[in-house]
Amino acid sequence: MNNYYIRQLSNDQYYLLGMDYNSILNYIHELEDESLIQLNSGELIIDQLLVAGNGKNRFISCIFSHGKIDLSTAKNIYGTKEYKTLSSHILKEHYKELQYSILTNSQLNLIREGQVV
């Protein structure tokens, strides 16, 4: 399993899901080398469910431009149903790796059943 999942949502919005318990700061240079980050600029939506849990610090947003993520622009944001659905879908595909995560049993069951967390 990779440490993160990244994809483009729209012309200037990109989505990042941390796939382990580490902060994205642990692999910021690897992220900045990703082709989506190198070749574009816009807003990076980060889902930290496996790091911060399902609380107010779950989603953050920051600006990036052509290979540089500007962490000084980071702010907490409201996680839309679209973001949560995408995360749940991705995590369902990696359900076995979530056994020892910080997720509760009820959250794991929701993911296993294809429900939104």
C-alpha atoms as a PDB file:
ATOM      1  CA  MET A   1       0.000   0.000   0.000  1.00  0.00           C
ATOM      2  CA  ASN A   2       1.296   3.474  -0.853  1.00  0.00           C
ATOM      3  CA  ASN A   3       1.601   6.153   1.824  1.00  0.00           C
ATOM      4  CA  TYR A   4      -0.961   8.301   0.039  1.00  0.00           C
ATOM      5  CA  TYR A   5      -3.437   8.449  -2.810  1.00  0.00           C
ATOM      6  CA  ILE A   6      -3.599  11.544  -5.018  1.00  0.00           C
ATOM      7  CA  ARG A   7      -5.914  12.519  -7.864  1.00  0.00           C
ATOM      8  CA  GLN A   8      -7.258  15.534  -9.700  1.00  0.00           C
ATOM      9  CA  LEU A   9     -10.824  16.575  -8.876  1.00  0.00           C
ATOM     10  CA  SER A  10     -11.190  19.598 -11.145  1.00  0.00           C
ATOM     11  CA  ASN A  11      -9.058  22.056 -13.119  1.00  0.00           C
ATOM     12  CA  ASP A  12      -7.473  23.537 -10.012  1.00  0.00           C
ATOM     13  CA  GLN A  13      -8.464  21.182  -7.190  1.00  0.00           C
ATOM     14  CA  TYR A  14      -6.550  18.048  -6.199  1.00  0.00           C
ATOM     15  CA  TYR A  15      -7.276  15.456  -3.557  1.00  0.00           C
ATOM     16  CA  LEU A  16      -4.842  13.667  -1.265  1.00  0.00           C
ATOM     17  CA  LEU A  17      -5.718  10.843   1.115  1.00  0.00           C
ATOM     18  CA  GLY A  18      -3.099   9.751   3.618  1.00  0.00           C
ATOM     19  CA  MET A  19      -3.026   5.946   3.585  1.00  0.00           C
ATOM     20  CA  ASP A  20      -1.187   5.396   6.868  1.00  0.00           C
ATOM     21  CA  TYR A  21      -0.802   6.946  10.298  1.00  0.00           C
ATOM     22  CA  ASN A  22       1.990   9.325   9.201  1.00  0.00           C
ATOM     23  CA  SER A  23       1.546  13.015   8.559  1.00  0.00           C
ATOM     24  CA  ILE A  24       2.059  14.146   4.973  1.00  0.00           C
ATOM     25  CA  LEU A  25       5.041  16.067   6.323  1.00  0.00           C
ATOM     26  CA  ASN A  26       6.851  12.709   6.481  1.00  0.00           C
ATOM     27  CA  TYR A  27       6.768  12.490   2.679  1.00  0.00           C
ATOM     28  CA  ILE A  28       6.330  16.075   1.538  1.00  0.00           C
ATOM     29  CA  HIS A  29       9.299  15.849  -0.855  1.00  0.00           C
ATOM     30  CA  GLU A  30       7.886  12.694  -2.426  1.00  0.00           C
ATOM     31  CA  LEU A  31       4.546  14.477  -2.861  1.00  0.00           C
ATOM     32  CA  GLU A  32       6.202  17.485  -4.440  1.00  0.00           C
ATOM     33  CA  ASP A  33       7.801  15.128  -6.971  1.00  0.00           C
ATOM     34  CA  GLU A  34       4.410  13.724  -8.044  1.00  0.00           C
ATOM     35  CA  SER A  35       3.592  14.636 -11.648  1.00  0.00           C
ATOM     36  CA  LEU A  36       0.193  16.078 -10.683  1.00  0.00           C
ATOM     37  CA  ILE A  37       1.924  18.467  -8.272  1.00  0.00           C
ATOM     38  CA  GLN A  38       4.871  19.188 -10.584  1.00  0.00           C
ATOM     39  CA  LEU A  39       2.806  20.030 -13.657  1.00  0.00           C
ATOM     40  CA  ASN A  40      -0.083  21.941 -12.075  1.00  0.00           C
ATOM     41  CA  SER A  41      -1.066  24.507  -9.502  1.00  0.00           C
ATOM     42  CA  GLY A  42      -4.154  24.869  -7.376  1.00  0.00           C
ATOM     43  CA  GLU A  43      -5.726  23.739  -4.141  1.00  0.00           C
ATOM     44  CA  LEU A  44      -4.723  20.493  -2.465  1.00  0.00           C
ATOM     45  CA  ILE A  45      -7.472  18.964  -0.306  1.00  0.00           C
ATOM     46  CA  ILE A  46      -5.930  16.607   2.250  1.00  0.00           C
ATOM     47  CA  ASP A  47      -7.918  13.949   4.111  1.00  0.00           C
ATOM     48  CA  GLN A  48      -6.098  12.995   7.311  1.00  0.00           C
ATOM     49  CA  LEU A  49      -8.650  10.443   8.546  1.00  0.00           C
ATOM     50  CA  LEU A  50      -5.997   7.861   9.426  1.00  0.00           C
ATOM     51  CA  VAL A  51      -3.860  10.469  11.195  1.00  0.00           C
ATOM     52  CA  ALA A  52      -6.335  12.809  12.898  1.00  0.00           C
ATOM     53  CA  GLY A  53      -9.513  10.720  13.033  1.00  0.00           C
ATOM     54  CA  ASN A  54     -12.963  11.817  11.947  1.00  0.00           C
ATOM     55  CA  GLY A  55     -13.018  15.135  13.777  1.00  0.00           C
ATOM     56  CA  LYS A  56     -12.595  18.805  12.945  1.00  0.00           C
ATOM     57  CA  ASN A  57      -8.943  18.345  11.899  1.00  0.00           C
ATOM     58  CA  ARG A  58      -9.684  15.627   9.356  1.00  0.00           C
ATOM     59  CA  PHE A  59      -9.617  17.847   6.253  1.00  0.00           C
ATOM     60  CA  ILE A  60      -7.134  20.565   5.454  1.00  0.00           C
ATOM     61  CA  SER A  61      -6.486  22.581   2.350  1.00  0.00           C
ATOM     62  CA  CYS A  62      -3.354  24.274   1.064  1.00  0.00           C
ATOM     63  CA  ILE A  63      -2.095  25.831  -2.137  1.00  0.00           C
ATOM     64  CA  PHE A  64       0.564  24.297  -4.358  1.00  0.00           C
ATOM     65  CA  SER A  65       2.279  25.466  -7.520  1.00  0.00           C
ATOM     66  CA  HIS A  66       4.479  23.517  -9.897  1.00  0.00           C
ATOM     67  CA  GLY A  67       6.175  21.203  -7.442  1.00  0.00           C
ATOM     68  CA  LYS A  68       5.974  23.295  -4.288  1.00  0.00           C
ATOM     69  CA  ILE A  69       3.328  22.750  -1.601  1.00  0.00           C
ATOM     70  CA  ASP A  70       2.891  25.952   0.409  1.00  0.00           C
ATOM     71  CA  LEU A  71       2.196  24.735   3.941  1.00  0.00           C
ATOM     72  CA  SER A  72       1.849  28.325   5.179  1.00  0.00           C
ATOM     73  CA  THR A  73      -1.541  28.385   3.403  1.00  0.00           C
ATOM     74  CA  ALA A  74      -2.821  25.290   5.246  1.00  0.00           C
ATOM     75  CA  LYS A  75      -6.214  25.646   6.912  1.00  0.00           C
ATOM     76  CA  ASN A  76      -8.910  23.353   8.251  1.00  0.00           C
ATOM     77  CA  ILE A  77     -11.871  22.937   5.918  1.00  0.00           C
ATOM     78  CA  TYR A  78     -15.254  21.262   5.984  1.00  0.00           C
ATOM     79  CA  GLY A  79     -15.151  17.821   4.376  1.00  0.00           C
ATOM     80  CA  THR A  80     -17.866  17.530   1.760  1.00  0.00           C
ATOM     81  CA  LYS A  81     -19.779  14.320   1.106  1.00  0.00           C
ATOM     82  CA  GLU A  82     -17.849  14.035  -2.190  1.00  0.00           C
ATOM     83  CA  TYR A  83     -14.518  13.970  -0.321  1.00  0.00           C
ATOM     84  CA  LYS A  84     -15.765  11.529   2.299  1.00  0.00           C
ATOM     85  CA  THR A  85     -17.287   9.221  -0.314  1.00  0.00           C
ATOM     86  CA  LEU A  86     -14.047   9.170  -2.292  1.00  0.00           C
ATOM     87  CA  SER A  87     -12.029   8.364   0.824  1.00  0.00           C
ATOM     88  CA  SER A  88     -14.388   5.612   1.906  1.00  0.00           C
ATOM     89  CA  HIS A  89     -14.277   4.039  -1.555  1.00  0.00           C
ATOM     90  CA  ILE A  90     -10.456   4.076  -1.623  1.00  0.00           C
ATOM     91  CA  LEU A  91     -10.169   2.762   1.928  1.00  0.00           C
ATOM     92  CA  LYS A  92     -12.612  -0.063   1.203  1.00  0.00           C
ATOM     93  CA  GLU A  93     -10.185  -1.295  -1.460  1.00  0.00           C
ATOM     94  CA  HIS A  94      -7.479  -1.415   1.247  1.00  0.00           C
ATOM     95  CA  TYR A  95      -9.648  -2.651   4.098  1.00  0.00           C
ATOM     96  CA  LYS A  96      -7.233  -5.338   5.328  1.00  0.00           C
ATOM     97  CA  GLU A  97      -4.495  -2.757   5.885  1.00  0.00           C
ATOM     98  CA  LEU A  98      -6.810  -0.746   8.155  1.00  0.00           C
ATOM     99  CA  GLN A  99      -6.967  -3.369  10.924  1.00  0.00           C
ATOM    100  CA  TYR A 100      -4.416  -1.568  13.081  1.00  0.00           C
ATOM    101  CA  SER A 101      -5.425   1.996  12.244  1.00  0.00           C
ATOM    102  CA  ILE A 102      -6.941   4.533  14.633  1.00  0.00           C
ATOM    103  CA  LEU A 103     -10.393   3.953  13.164  1.00  0.00           C
ATOM    104  CA  THR A 104     -13.062   2.622  15.480  1.00  0.00           C
ATOM    105  CA  ASN A 105     -14.773  -0.701  14.840  1.00  0.00           C
ATOM    106  CA  SER A 106     -17.928   1.107  13.737  1.00  0.00           C
ATOM    107  CA  GLN A 107     -15.938   3.229  11.259  1.00  0.00           C
ATOM    108  CA  LEU A 108     -14.205   0.111   9.918  1.00  0.00           C
ATOM    109  CA  ASN A 109     -17.572  -1.586   9.504  1.00  0.00           C
ATOM    110  CA  LEU A 110     -18.929   1.395   7.573  1.00  0.00           C
ATOM    111  CA  ILE A 111     -15.943   1.282   5.235  1.00  0.00           C
ATOM    112  CA  ARG A 112     -16.240  -2.476   4.765  1.00  0.00           C
ATOM    113  CA  GLU A 113     -19.927  -2.061   3.886  1.00  0.00           C
ATOM    114  CA  GLY A 114     -19.211   0.743   1.423  1.00  0.00           C
ATOM    115  CA  GLN A 115     -20.735   3.464   3.593  1.00  0.00           C
ATOM    116  CA  VAL A 116     -19.356   6.977   4.007  1.00  0.00           C
ATOM    117  CA  VAL A 117     -17.215   7.744   7.069  1.00  0.00           C
END
